[in-house]
Amino acid sequence: MTNATAFKFGYPRTRVAETDHWLVLVRPQQPTYGALVLVCKEDAKVFSDLSVAAFADMKRAVDGIEALLRHTVAFERINYLMLMMVDPDVHFHVLPRYQGERIYKERPFVDAGWPGSPALASHVALGEDEAAALAAEFSALWRS
């Protein structure tokens, strides 16, 4: 099952991975390189509405996310932000955090908020094709 939040973040084109209860998507606006969105597939508007199975399955998704981003981004910290003011379905913005910059396809990605809070307004906006390409690259690495 998918929801409006998943579609807003480009599903299915931005899909990196999927577990029984979660979608892992590339976040088209990248405050840091490798920013993802972890979207629950259940019809849940508050965190406590998730099923026990969804909570357990979140472990699989988080393990995969952190392995992927550790390999591709070499993050120093990782932030999971639950910001459900605009998009009401349960989801997290996943931001790998690092000092300096990361380069992807000759494009610099700076963590403008480092070492403080994430600077969400400062981001690299990926076009639809760019976000889909990054998702495909991450998806291939997720499976390997």
N, C-alpha and C. Protein backbone atom coordinates (compact mmCIF):
# COMPACT_ATOMS: atom_id res chain seq x y z
N MET A 1 0.85 -1.19 0.00
CA MET A 1 0.00 0.00 0.00
C MET A 1 0.89 1.25 0.00
N THR A 2 0.53 2.22 -0.78
CA THR A 2 1.26 3.48 -0.78
C THR A 2 0.31 4.59 -0.35
N ASN A 3 0.86 5.74 -0.10
CA ASN A 3 0.04 6.86 0.37
C ASN A 3 0.50 8.15 -0.31
N ALA A 4 -0.21 9.23 -0.02
CA ALA A 4 0.08 10.52 -0.66
C ALA A 4 1.49 11.00 -0.36
N THR A 5 2.00 10.71 0.82
CA THR A 5 3.35 11.15 1.17
C THR A 5 4.37 10.47 0.27
N ALA A 6 4.21 9.19 0.05
CA ALA A 6 5.14 8.46 -0.83
C ALA A 6 5.10 9.05 -2.24
N PHE A 7 3.91 9.32 -2.74
CA PHE A 7 3.80 9.90 -4.09
C PHE A 7 4.41 11.29 -4.15
N LYS A 8 4.25 12.08 -3.09
CA LYS A 8 4.82 13.43 -3.08
C LYS A 8 6.34 13.38 -3.23
N PHE A 9 6.96 12.37 -2.64
CA PHE A 9 8.41 12.24 -2.72
C PHE A 9 8.86 11.40 -3.91
N GLY A 10 7.98 11.26 -4.91
CA GLY A 10 8.38 10.70 -6.19
C GLY A 10 8.19 9.21 -6.40
N TYR A 11 7.57 8.53 -5.43
CA TYR A 11 7.34 7.10 -5.60
C TYR A 11 6.51 6.87 -6.85
N PRO A 12 6.82 5.91 -7.68
CA PRO A 12 7.82 4.85 -7.52
C PRO A 12 9.20 5.18 -8.09
N ARG A 13 9.34 6.32 -8.77
CA ARG A 13 10.61 6.64 -9.44
C ARG A 13 11.77 6.81 -8.46
N THR A 14 11.51 7.26 -7.25
CA THR A 14 12.58 7.52 -6.28
C THR A 14 12.79 6.36 -5.31
N ARG A 15 12.17 5.24 -5.58
CA ARG A 15 12.25 4.08 -4.68
C ARG A 15 13.66 3.49 -4.68
N VAL A 16 14.23 3.39 -3.49
CA VAL A 16 15.53 2.76 -3.28
C VAL A 16 15.31 1.33 -2.83
N ALA A 17 14.41 1.14 -1.87
CA ALA A 17 14.17 -0.18 -1.30
C ALA A 17 12.78 -0.21 -0.69
N GLU A 18 12.35 -1.42 -0.38
CA GLU A 18 11.03 -1.61 0.23
C GLU A 18 11.09 -2.83 1.14
N THR A 19 10.51 -2.68 2.31
CA THR A 19 10.34 -3.81 3.21
C THR A 19 8.83 -4.08 3.28
N ASP A 20 8.43 -4.98 4.13
CA ASP A 20 7.01 -5.29 4.22
C ASP A 20 6.16 -4.08 4.58
N HIS A 21 6.71 -3.19 5.42
CA HIS A 21 5.92 -2.06 5.93
C HIS A 21 6.47 -0.68 5.60
N TRP A 22 7.62 -0.61 4.94
CA TRP A 22 8.29 0.68 4.73
C TRP A 22 8.80 0.84 3.31
N LEU A 23 8.79 2.08 2.84
CA LEU A 23 9.41 2.46 1.58
C LEU A 23 10.61 3.35 1.90
N VAL A 24 11.70 3.14 1.20
CA VAL A 24 12.87 3.99 1.31
C VAL A 24 13.00 4.72 -0.02
N LEU A 25 12.90 6.04 0.03
CA LEU A 25 12.89 6.87 -1.17
C LEU A 25 14.01 7.91 -1.13
N VAL A 26 14.53 8.27 -2.28
CA VAL A 26 15.44 9.41 -2.37
C VAL A 26 14.62 10.68 -2.14
N ARG A 27 15.15 11.57 -1.34
CA ARG A 27 14.48 12.86 -1.11
C ARG A 27 14.94 13.81 -2.22
N PRO A 28 14.02 14.26 -3.09
CA PRO A 28 14.44 15.10 -4.21
C PRO A 28 15.16 16.39 -3.80
N GLN A 29 14.78 16.98 -2.69
CA GLN A 29 15.52 18.13 -2.16
C GLN A 29 16.54 17.57 -1.18
N GLN A 30 17.80 17.69 -1.51
CA GLN A 30 18.89 17.08 -0.76
C GLN A 30 19.61 18.11 0.12
N PRO A 31 19.22 18.26 1.39
CA PRO A 31 19.97 19.15 2.28
C PRO A 31 21.39 18.64 2.52
N THR A 32 21.54 17.33 2.42
CA THR A 32 22.85 16.68 2.45
C THR A 32 22.80 15.57 1.41
N TYR A 33 23.96 15.22 0.89
CA TYR A 33 24.01 14.16 -0.11
C TYR A 33 23.52 12.85 0.52
N GLY A 34 22.63 12.19 -0.19
CA GLY A 34 22.12 10.90 0.28
C GLY A 34 20.86 11.02 1.12
N ALA A 35 20.26 12.19 1.21
CA ALA A 35 19.04 12.36 2.01
C ALA A 35 17.94 11.45 1.47
N LEU A 36 17.28 10.77 2.38
CA LEU A 36 16.23 9.81 2.04
C LEU A 36 14.95 10.15 2.79
N VAL A 37 13.88 9.48 2.42
CA VAL A 37 12.63 9.54 3.17
C VAL A 37 12.22 8.09 3.45
N LEU A 38 11.92 7.81 4.70
CA LEU A 38 11.45 6.49 5.13
C LEU A 38 9.96 6.63 5.40
N VAL A 39 9.13 6.03 4.54
CA VAL A 39 7.68 6.21 4.59
C VAL A 39 7.02 4.89 4.97
N CYS A 40 6.16 4.95 5.98
CA CYS A 40 5.42 3.76 6.37
C CYS A 40 4.29 3.54 5.37
N LYS A 41 4.09 2.29 4.98
CA LYS A 41 3.04 1.95 4.01
C LYS A 41 1.67 1.78 4.68
N GLU A 42 1.65 1.72 6.00
CA GLU A 42 0.36 1.59 6.71
C GLU A 42 -0.39 2.92 6.69
N ASP A 43 -1.68 2.84 6.88
CA ASP A 43 -2.51 4.04 6.97
C ASP A 43 -2.42 4.57 8.40
N ALA A 44 -1.35 5.30 8.67
CA ALA A 44 -1.10 5.80 10.02
C ALA A 44 -0.76 7.29 9.95
N LYS A 45 -1.43 8.07 10.77
CA LYS A 45 -1.20 9.52 10.81
C LYS A 45 -0.42 9.94 12.05
N VAL A 46 -0.32 9.08 13.04
CA VAL A 46 0.50 9.33 14.22
C VAL A 46 1.36 8.09 14.48
N PHE A 47 2.51 8.30 15.05
CA PHE A 47 3.48 7.23 15.27
C PHE A 47 2.88 6.06 16.05
N SER A 48 2.08 6.37 17.04
CA SER A 48 1.51 5.30 17.88
C SER A 48 0.47 4.45 17.16
N ASP A 49 0.04 4.87 15.96
CA ASP A 49 -0.90 4.06 15.17
C ASP A 49 -0.23 2.91 14.44
N LEU A 50 1.09 2.89 14.38
CA LEU A 50 1.77 1.81 13.67
C LEU A 50 1.53 0.47 14.35
N SER A 51 1.46 -0.56 13.55
CA SER A 51 1.32 -1.91 14.08
C SER A 51 2.64 -2.37 14.70
N VAL A 52 2.56 -3.38 15.53
CA VAL A 52 3.77 -3.97 16.11
C VAL A 52 4.67 -4.48 14.98
N ALA A 53 4.06 -5.05 13.95
CA ALA A 53 4.84 -5.56 12.83
C ALA A 53 5.60 -4.43 12.12
N ALA A 54 4.99 -3.26 11.98
CA ALA A 54 5.66 -2.12 11.33
C ALA A 54 6.83 -1.63 12.17
N PHE A 55 6.64 -1.59 13.49
CA PHE A 55 7.75 -1.19 14.36
C PHE A 55 8.91 -2.17 14.23
N ALA A 56 8.61 -3.46 14.22
CA ALA A 56 9.67 -4.47 14.10
C ALA A 56 10.35 -4.38 12.74
N ASP A 57 9.57 -4.17 11.69
CA ASP A 57 10.10 -4.10 10.34
C ASP A 57 10.94 -2.83 10.11
N MET A 58 10.69 -1.80 10.90
CA MET A 58 11.47 -0.58 10.78
C MET A 58 12.96 -0.87 11.03
N LYS A 59 13.26 -1.83 11.86
CA LYS A 59 14.65 -2.22 12.13
C LYS A 59 15.34 -2.66 10.85
N ARG A 60 14.66 -3.47 10.03
CA ARG A 60 15.24 -3.91 8.75
C ARG A 60 15.52 -2.71 7.85
N ALA A 61 14.56 -1.79 7.77
CA ALA A 61 14.73 -0.62 6.92
C ALA A 61 15.88 0.26 7.40
N VAL A 62 15.96 0.51 8.70
CA VAL A 62 17.02 1.35 9.26
C VAL A 62 18.39 0.70 9.08
N ASP A 63 18.47 -0.61 9.30
CA ASP A 63 19.75 -1.30 9.07
C ASP A 63 20.21 -1.13 7.63
N GLY A 64 19.28 -1.27 6.68
CA GLY A 64 19.63 -1.12 5.27
C GLY A 64 20.03 0.31 4.93
N ILE A 65 19.29 1.27 5.46
CA ILE A 65 19.59 2.68 5.22
C ILE A 65 20.99 3.01 5.72
N GLU A 66 21.29 2.63 6.94
CA GLU A 66 22.57 3.00 7.52
C GLU A 66 23.74 2.31 6.83
N ALA A 67 23.57 1.06 6.41
CA ALA A 67 24.62 0.37 5.66
C ALA A 67 24.85 1.07 4.32
N LEU A 68 23.78 1.41 3.63
CA LEU A 68 23.88 2.09 2.34
C LEU A 68 24.58 3.44 2.48
N LEU A 69 24.11 4.26 3.41
CA LEU A 69 24.66 5.61 3.55
C LEU A 69 26.06 5.62 4.14
N ARG A 70 26.36 4.65 4.98
CA ARG A 70 27.73 4.56 5.51
C ARG A 70 28.69 4.32 4.33
N HIS A 71 28.28 3.45 3.40
CA HIS A 71 29.11 3.10 2.25
C HIS A 71 29.19 4.24 1.23
N THR A 72 28.06 4.88 0.92
CA THR A 72 28.02 5.86 -0.17
C THR A 72 28.36 7.28 0.27
N VAL A 73 28.03 7.63 1.50
CA VAL A 73 28.19 9.01 1.96
C VAL A 73 29.31 9.15 2.99
N ALA A 74 29.60 8.09 3.71
CA ALA A 74 30.56 8.13 4.81
C ALA A 74 30.15 9.20 5.82
N PHE A 75 28.89 9.09 6.28
CA PHE A 75 28.38 10.08 7.22
C PHE A 75 29.10 10.01 8.56
N GLU A 76 29.11 11.14 9.25
CA GLU A 76 29.67 11.21 10.60
C GLU A 76 28.57 11.05 11.65
N ARG A 77 27.38 11.50 11.33
CA ARG A 77 26.19 11.34 12.15
C ARG A 77 25.03 11.10 11.19
N ILE A 78 23.90 10.68 11.74
CA ILE A 78 22.72 10.51 10.91
C ILE A 78 21.51 11.00 11.71
N ASN A 79 20.66 11.77 11.06
CA ASN A 79 19.47 12.32 11.70
C ASN A 79 18.22 11.73 11.06
N TYR A 80 17.27 11.35 11.92
CA TYR A 80 15.95 10.90 11.48
C TYR A 80 14.96 11.93 12.00
N LEU A 81 14.36 12.69 11.09
CA LEU A 81 13.44 13.75 11.48
C LEU A 81 12.02 13.35 11.12
N MET A 82 11.14 13.34 12.11
CA MET A 82 9.73 13.06 11.87
C MET A 82 9.01 14.40 11.80
N LEU A 83 8.81 14.90 10.59
CA LEU A 83 8.23 16.21 10.36
C LEU A 83 6.92 16.02 9.58
N MET A 84 5.83 15.84 10.28
CA MET A 84 4.57 15.50 9.63
C MET A 84 3.58 16.66 9.69
N MET A 85 4.03 17.85 9.35
CA MET A 85 3.13 19.00 9.33
C MET A 85 2.47 19.16 7.97
N VAL A 86 3.21 18.96 6.91
CA VAL A 86 2.67 19.10 5.56
C VAL A 86 2.19 17.75 5.03
N ASP A 87 3.00 16.73 5.23
CA ASP A 87 2.68 15.38 4.76
C ASP A 87 2.32 14.54 5.97
N PRO A 88 1.03 14.21 6.14
CA PRO A 88 0.55 13.64 7.40
C PRO A 88 0.83 12.16 7.64
N ASP A 89 1.22 11.42 6.60
CA ASP A 89 1.47 10.00 6.81
C ASP A 89 2.79 9.81 7.55
N VAL A 90 2.86 8.78 8.38
CA VAL A 90 4.07 8.55 9.19
C VAL A 90 5.27 8.37 8.26
N HIS A 91 6.25 9.24 8.45
CA HIS A 91 7.48 9.16 7.66
C HIS A 91 8.59 9.91 8.38
N PHE A 92 9.81 9.60 7.99
CA PHE A 92 11.00 10.23 8.53
C PHE A 92 11.85 10.77 7.38
N HIS A 93 12.42 11.94 7.59
CA HIS A 93 13.44 12.46 6.69
C HIS A 93 14.76 11.97 7.26
N VAL A 94 15.54 11.28 6.44
CA VAL A 94 16.80 10.69 6.89
C VAL A 94 17.93 11.50 6.27
N LEU A 95 18.72 12.13 7.15
CA LEU A 95 19.78 13.02 6.68
C LEU A 95 21.14 12.53 7.17
N PRO A 96 21.97 12.06 6.25
CA PRO A 96 23.35 11.78 6.64
C PRO A 96 24.04 13.11 6.90
N ARG A 97 24.79 13.19 7.97
CA ARG A 97 25.43 14.47 8.36
C ARG A 97 26.95 14.31 8.28
N TYR A 98 27.61 15.37 7.83
CA TYR A 98 29.05 15.33 7.65
C TYR A 98 29.61 16.74 7.62
N GLN A 99 30.88 16.83 7.94
CA GLN A 99 31.58 18.11 7.84
C GLN A 99 32.13 18.23 6.42
N GLY A 100 32.14 19.43 5.89
CA GLY A 100 32.69 19.63 4.56
C GLY A 100 31.67 19.36 3.48
N GLU A 101 32.10 18.72 2.40
CA GLU A 101 31.19 18.45 1.29
C GLU A 101 31.39 17.05 0.76
N ARG A 102 30.39 16.59 0.04
CA ARG A 102 30.46 15.35 -0.70
C ARG A 102 30.19 15.71 -2.16
N ILE A 103 30.83 15.01 -3.07
CA ILE A 103 30.67 15.28 -4.49
C ILE A 103 29.93 14.10 -5.12
N TYR A 104 28.90 14.42 -5.89
CA TYR A 104 28.17 13.41 -6.65
C TYR A 104 27.95 13.95 -8.06
N LYS A 105 28.45 13.23 -9.05
CA LYS A 105 28.33 13.65 -10.46
C LYS A 105 28.85 15.08 -10.63
N GLU A 106 30.03 15.34 -10.04
CA GLU A 106 30.71 16.63 -10.13
C GLU A 106 29.94 17.78 -9.48
N ARG A 107 28.99 17.46 -8.64
CA ARG A 107 28.17 18.48 -7.97
C ARG A 107 28.45 18.43 -6.47
N PRO A 108 28.79 19.56 -5.86
CA PRO A 108 29.06 19.56 -4.42
C PRO A 108 27.77 19.57 -3.60
N PHE A 109 27.78 18.80 -2.52
CA PHE A 109 26.68 18.77 -1.55
C PHE A 109 27.29 19.11 -0.19
N VAL A 110 26.91 20.26 0.34
CA VAL A 110 27.44 20.74 1.61
C VAL A 110 26.39 20.55 2.69
N ASP A 111 26.80 20.11 3.87
CA ASP A 111 25.91 20.05 5.02
C ASP A 111 25.96 21.42 5.68
N ALA A 112 25.08 22.32 5.24
CA ALA A 112 25.12 23.73 5.67
C ALA A 112 24.86 23.90 7.16
N GLY A 113 24.23 22.94 7.79
CA GLY A 113 23.93 23.06 9.21
C GLY A 113 25.00 22.50 10.13
N TRP A 114 25.98 21.80 9.58
CA TRP A 114 26.99 21.13 10.40
C TRP A 114 27.74 22.13 11.26
N PRO A 115 27.96 21.90 12.52
CA PRO A 115 27.62 20.71 13.30
C PRO A 115 26.32 20.85 14.07
N GLY A 116 25.50 21.83 13.74
CA GLY A 116 24.24 22.05 14.44
C GLY A 116 23.07 21.34 13.79
N SER A 117 21.92 21.93 13.94
CA SER A 117 20.69 21.37 13.37
C SER A 117 20.75 21.37 11.85
N PRO A 118 20.07 20.43 11.21
CA PRO A 118 20.05 20.40 9.75
C PRO A 118 19.46 21.69 9.18
N ALA A 119 20.05 22.16 8.09
CA ALA A 119 19.57 23.36 7.40
C ALA A 119 18.74 22.89 6.19
N LEU A 120 17.48 22.59 6.43
CA LEU A 120 16.63 22.03 5.38
C LEU A 120 16.41 22.99 4.22
N ALA A 121 16.42 24.29 4.47
CA ALA A 121 16.19 25.26 3.41
C ALA A 121 17.36 25.35 2.44
N SER A 122 18.54 24.95 2.90
CA SER A 122 19.72 24.94 2.04
C SER A 122 19.84 23.54 1.47
N HIS A 123 19.55 23.39 0.19
CA HIS A 123 19.56 22.05 -0.40
C HIS A 123 19.90 22.10 -1.88
N VAL A 124 20.25 20.94 -2.40
CA VAL A 124 20.42 20.76 -3.84
C VAL A 124 19.12 20.12 -4.32
N ALA A 125 18.44 20.79 -5.24
CA ALA A 125 17.19 20.28 -5.78
C ALA A 125 17.49 19.38 -6.97
N LEU A 126 17.17 18.11 -6.83
CA LEU A 126 17.36 17.18 -7.94
C LEU A 126 16.13 17.22 -8.84
N GLY A 127 16.34 17.21 -10.13
CA GLY A 127 15.25 17.06 -11.07
C GLY A 127 14.69 15.64 -10.99
N GLU A 128 13.55 15.41 -11.59
CA GLU A 128 12.92 14.08 -11.55
C GLU A 128 13.86 12.99 -12.05
N ASP A 129 14.51 13.24 -13.17
CA ASP A 129 15.42 12.23 -13.73
C ASP A 129 16.64 12.02 -12.85
N GLU A 130 17.16 13.11 -12.27
CA GLU A 130 18.32 12.98 -11.38
C GLU A 130 17.97 12.18 -10.12
N ALA A 131 16.80 12.47 -9.54
CA ALA A 131 16.37 11.74 -8.34
C ALA A 131 16.16 10.27 -8.66
N ALA A 132 15.57 9.98 -9.81
CA ALA A 132 15.35 8.59 -10.22
C ALA A 132 16.68 7.87 -10.46
N ALA A 133 17.64 8.57 -11.05
CA ALA A 133 18.96 7.96 -11.30
C ALA A 133 19.68 7.66 -9.99
N LEU A 134 19.63 8.61 -9.05
CA LEU A 134 20.26 8.37 -7.75
C LEU A 134 19.57 7.21 -7.03
N ALA A 135 18.26 7.14 -7.11
CA ALA A 135 17.51 6.03 -6.49
C ALA A 135 17.93 4.71 -7.11
N ALA A 136 18.10 4.66 -8.41
CA ALA A 136 18.52 3.42 -9.08
C ALA A 136 19.92 3.00 -8.64
N GLU A 137 20.83 3.98 -8.51
CA GLU A 137 22.18 3.66 -8.04
C GLU A 137 22.15 3.13 -6.62
N PHE A 138 21.41 3.82 -5.75
CA PHE A 138 21.30 3.37 -4.36
C PHE A 138 20.62 2.00 -4.28
N SER A 139 19.62 1.79 -5.09
CA SER A 139 18.91 0.51 -5.09
C SER A 139 19.84 -0.64 -5.46
N ALA A 140 20.69 -0.43 -6.44
CA ALA A 140 21.65 -1.46 -6.84
C ALA A 140 22.62 -1.78 -5.71
N LEU A 141 23.03 -0.75 -4.99
CA LEU A 141 23.94 -0.96 -3.86
C LEU A 141 23.22 -1.62 -2.68
N TRP A 142 21.93 -1.33 -2.51
CA TRP A 142 21.15 -1.93 -1.42
C TRP A 142 21.12 -3.44 -1.58
N ARG A 143 20.98 -3.89 -2.78
CA ARG A 143 20.87 -5.33 -3.06
C ARG A 143 22.20 -6.06 -2.99
N SER A 144 23.31 -5.31 -3.14
CA SER A 144 24.60 -6.00 -3.22
C SER A 144 25.17 -6.31 -1.85
